[in-house]
């Protein structure tokens, strides 16, 4: 989820997105004009928590209601 937010935010800010699809460790350093400040990172993190909370709460309810053997592995 965080990678999707990084791609969307980078694209929205009209910054180069191509490096996000490469292996940065082997493809060399990222371009110099990429990245965001800490307030933007925190805002995207909070947005991710807000969007994922209903899904996690639903799944917790499923695990509480059902006792299928395979749910213990998730």
N, C-alpha and C. Protein backbone atom coordinates (compact mmCIF):
# COMPACT_ATOMS: atom_id res chain seq x y z
N UNK A 1 0.82 -1.19 0.00
CA UNK A 1 0.00 0.00 0.00
C UNK A 1 0.87 1.26 0.00
N UNK A 2 1.96 1.21 0.76
CA UNK A 2 2.80 2.40 0.83
C UNK A 2 3.48 2.70 -0.51
N UNK A 3 3.80 1.65 -1.25
CA UNK A 3 4.42 1.87 -2.56
C UNK A 3 3.42 2.51 -3.52
N UNK A 4 2.17 2.13 -3.45
CA UNK A 4 1.13 2.74 -4.29
C UNK A 4 0.98 4.22 -3.94
N UNK A 5 1.00 4.54 -2.65
CA UNK A 5 0.93 5.94 -2.24
C UNK A 5 2.14 6.71 -2.73
N UNK A 6 3.32 6.10 -2.67
CA UNK A 6 4.54 6.77 -3.14
C UNK A 6 4.46 7.05 -4.63
N UNK A 7 3.97 6.09 -5.39
CA UNK A 7 3.84 6.30 -6.83
C UNK A 7 2.83 7.40 -7.13
N UNK A 8 1.67 7.35 -6.46
CA UNK A 8 0.63 8.34 -6.70
C UNK A 8 1.08 9.74 -6.30
N UNK A 9 1.73 9.87 -5.15
CA UNK A 9 2.18 11.19 -4.70
C UNK A 9 3.28 11.74 -5.59
N UNK A 10 4.19 10.88 -6.02
CA UNK A 10 5.27 11.32 -6.90
C UNK A 10 4.72 11.74 -8.25
N UNK A 11 3.79 10.97 -8.77
CA UNK A 11 3.17 11.31 -10.06
C UNK A 11 2.38 12.61 -9.94
N UNK A 12 1.64 12.77 -8.84
CA UNK A 12 0.83 13.98 -8.63
C UNK A 12 1.69 15.22 -8.51
N UNK A 13 2.89 15.07 -7.96
CA UNK A 13 3.80 16.20 -7.80
C UNK A 13 4.63 16.45 -9.06
N UNK A 14 4.33 15.72 -10.13
CA UNK A 14 5.03 15.85 -11.41
C UNK A 14 6.54 15.60 -11.28
N UNK A 15 6.87 14.63 -10.45
CA UNK A 15 8.26 14.23 -10.28
C UNK A 15 8.47 12.93 -11.05
N UNK A 16 9.73 12.58 -11.35
CA UNK A 16 9.96 11.34 -12.10
C UNK A 16 9.55 10.10 -11.29
N UNK A 17 8.80 9.24 -11.92
CA UNK A 17 8.25 8.05 -11.25
C UNK A 17 8.99 6.78 -11.66
N UNK A 18 9.69 6.84 -12.75
CA UNK A 18 10.31 5.63 -13.32
C UNK A 18 11.22 4.90 -12.34
N UNK A 19 11.95 5.63 -11.51
CA UNK A 19 12.88 4.99 -10.59
C UNK A 19 12.16 4.14 -9.54
N UNK A 20 10.89 4.43 -9.28
CA UNK A 20 10.14 3.64 -8.30
C UNK A 20 9.85 2.22 -8.79
N UNK A 21 10.02 1.99 -10.08
CA UNK A 21 9.79 0.67 -10.65
C UNK A 21 11.09 -0.08 -10.92
N UNK A 22 12.21 0.47 -10.51
CA UNK A 22 13.49 -0.19 -10.72
C UNK A 22 14.07 -0.61 -9.37
N UNK A 23 15.08 -1.42 -9.42
CA UNK A 23 15.78 -1.85 -8.22
C UNK A 23 16.84 -0.80 -7.92
N UNK A 24 16.53 0.09 -7.00
CA UNK A 24 17.38 1.24 -6.74
C UNK A 24 18.76 0.81 -6.27
N UNK A 25 18.86 -0.27 -5.53
CA UNK A 25 20.15 -0.72 -5.03
C UNK A 25 21.11 -1.11 -6.13
N UNK A 26 20.60 -1.63 -7.23
CA UNK A 26 21.46 -2.07 -8.33
C UNK A 26 21.42 -1.13 -9.52
N UNK A 27 20.43 -0.28 -9.61
CA UNK A 27 20.29 0.62 -10.75
C UNK A 27 20.96 1.96 -10.51
N UNK A 28 21.62 2.12 -9.39
CA UNK A 28 22.27 3.38 -9.07
C UNK A 28 21.41 4.20 -8.13
N UNK A 29 21.91 5.35 -7.74
CA UNK A 29 21.15 6.19 -6.80
C UNK A 29 19.91 6.79 -7.46
N UNK A 30 18.91 7.13 -6.66
CA UNK A 30 17.71 7.77 -7.24
C UNK A 30 18.05 9.17 -7.73
N UNK A 31 17.21 9.72 -8.60
CA UNK A 31 17.44 11.09 -9.07
C UNK A 31 17.45 12.08 -7.91
N UNK A 32 18.05 13.23 -8.12
CA UNK A 32 18.18 14.20 -7.04
C UNK A 32 16.90 14.97 -6.76
N UNK A 33 15.99 15.03 -7.70
CA UNK A 33 14.78 15.84 -7.52
C UNK A 33 13.57 15.01 -7.10
N UNK A 34 13.78 13.96 -6.34
CA UNK A 34 12.67 13.10 -5.91
C UNK A 34 12.59 13.12 -4.38
N UNK A 35 11.47 12.64 -3.87
CA UNK A 35 11.28 12.56 -2.43
C UNK A 35 10.39 13.68 -1.92
N UNK A 36 9.97 13.50 -0.68
CA UNK A 36 9.08 14.46 -0.03
C UNK A 36 9.59 14.74 1.36
N UNK A 37 9.12 15.83 1.92
CA UNK A 37 9.46 16.18 3.28
C UNK A 37 8.68 15.33 4.28
N UNK A 38 9.09 15.43 5.52
CA UNK A 38 8.48 14.63 6.58
C UNK A 38 6.98 14.88 6.76
N UNK A 39 6.46 16.12 6.64
CA UNK A 39 5.02 16.31 6.77
C UNK A 39 4.22 15.54 5.71
N UNK A 40 4.72 15.49 4.49
CA UNK A 40 4.02 14.74 3.44
C UNK A 40 4.07 13.25 3.73
N UNK A 41 5.21 12.77 4.19
CA UNK A 41 5.34 11.35 4.52
C UNK A 41 4.37 10.99 5.65
N UNK A 42 4.31 11.81 6.68
CA UNK A 42 3.37 11.55 7.78
C UNK A 42 1.92 11.58 7.30
N UNK A 43 1.60 12.54 6.43
CA UNK A 43 0.22 12.64 5.91
C UNK A 43 -0.15 11.39 5.11
N UNK A 44 0.77 10.91 4.29
CA UNK A 44 0.49 9.68 3.53
C UNK A 44 0.39 8.47 4.45
N UNK A 45 1.19 8.43 5.50
CA UNK A 45 1.12 7.34 6.46
C UNK A 45 -0.24 7.33 7.17
N UNK A 46 -0.68 8.49 7.60
CA UNK A 46 -1.99 8.59 8.27
C UNK A 46 -3.11 8.22 7.31
N UNK A 47 -3.01 8.65 6.06
CA UNK A 47 -4.01 8.27 5.06
C UNK A 47 -4.05 6.76 4.88
N UNK A 48 -2.90 6.12 4.84
CA UNK A 48 -2.85 4.66 4.73
C UNK A 48 -3.51 3.97 5.91
N UNK A 49 -3.27 4.46 7.11
CA UNK A 49 -3.90 3.88 8.30
C UNK A 49 -5.41 4.06 8.24
N UNK A 50 -5.86 5.23 7.86
CA UNK A 50 -7.29 5.50 7.77
C UNK A 50 -7.96 4.60 6.73
N UNK A 51 -7.31 4.41 5.59
CA UNK A 51 -7.90 3.58 4.55
C UNK A 51 -7.86 2.09 4.88
N UNK A 52 -6.85 1.64 5.59
CA UNK A 52 -6.74 0.21 5.88
C UNK A 52 -7.47 -0.22 7.15
N UNK A 53 -7.80 0.72 8.04
CA UNK A 53 -8.46 0.35 9.29
C UNK A 53 -9.78 -0.39 9.09
N UNK A 54 -10.68 0.07 8.21
CA UNK A 54 -11.94 -0.68 8.03
C UNK A 54 -11.71 -2.10 7.54
N UNK A 55 -10.76 -2.30 6.66
CA UNK A 55 -10.46 -3.65 6.18
C UNK A 55 -9.92 -4.53 7.30
N UNK A 56 -9.04 -3.99 8.11
CA UNK A 56 -8.49 -4.76 9.24
C UNK A 56 -9.57 -5.05 10.28
N UNK A 57 -10.45 -4.10 10.55
CA UNK A 57 -11.53 -4.33 11.51
C UNK A 57 -12.49 -5.40 11.00
N UNK A 58 -12.79 -5.37 9.71
CA UNK A 58 -13.65 -6.40 9.12
C UNK A 58 -13.02 -7.78 9.25
N UNK A 59 -11.72 -7.87 8.93
CA UNK A 59 -11.05 -9.16 8.99
C UNK A 59 -10.94 -9.66 10.43
N UNK A 60 -10.76 -8.77 11.38
CA UNK A 60 -10.75 -9.17 12.79
C UNK A 60 -12.11 -9.74 13.17
N UNK A 61 -13.18 -9.16 12.66
CA UNK A 61 -14.52 -9.69 12.92
C UNK A 61 -14.72 -11.06 12.30
N UNK A 62 -14.20 -11.26 11.10
CA UNK A 62 -14.29 -12.58 10.45
C UNK A 62 -13.56 -13.61 11.28
N UNK A 63 -12.36 -13.28 11.76
CA UNK A 63 -11.60 -14.23 12.57
C UNK A 63 -12.27 -14.51 13.90
N UNK A 64 -13.00 -13.54 14.44
CA UNK A 64 -13.70 -13.75 15.71
C UNK A 64 -14.95 -14.60 15.52
N UNK A 65 -15.62 -14.47 14.38
CA UNK A 65 -16.85 -15.22 14.13
C UNK A 65 -16.61 -16.65 13.67
N UNK A 66 -15.55 -16.85 12.93
CA UNK A 66 -15.30 -18.16 12.33
C UNK A 66 -14.08 -18.81 12.94
N UNK A 67 -14.09 -20.11 13.03
CA UNK A 67 -12.98 -20.86 13.62
C UNK A 67 -12.36 -21.81 12.60
N UNK A 68 -12.35 -21.43 11.34
CA UNK A 68 -11.73 -22.28 10.32
C UNK A 68 -10.23 -22.41 10.61
N UNK A 69 -9.68 -23.59 10.35
CA UNK A 69 -8.29 -23.87 10.68
C UNK A 69 -7.32 -22.97 9.93
N UNK A 70 -7.66 -22.62 8.69
CA UNK A 70 -6.73 -21.85 7.89
C UNK A 70 -6.66 -20.38 8.31
N UNK A 71 -7.69 -19.90 9.03
CA UNK A 71 -7.66 -18.50 9.48
C UNK A 71 -6.60 -18.29 10.56
N UNK A 72 -6.18 -19.34 11.24
CA UNK A 72 -5.16 -19.16 12.26
C UNK A 72 -3.79 -18.88 11.64
N UNK A 73 -3.64 -19.14 10.35
CA UNK A 73 -2.38 -18.87 9.68
C UNK A 73 -2.31 -17.48 9.07
N UNK A 74 -3.39 -16.74 9.12
CA UNK A 74 -3.42 -15.37 8.56
C UNK A 74 -3.35 -14.33 9.65
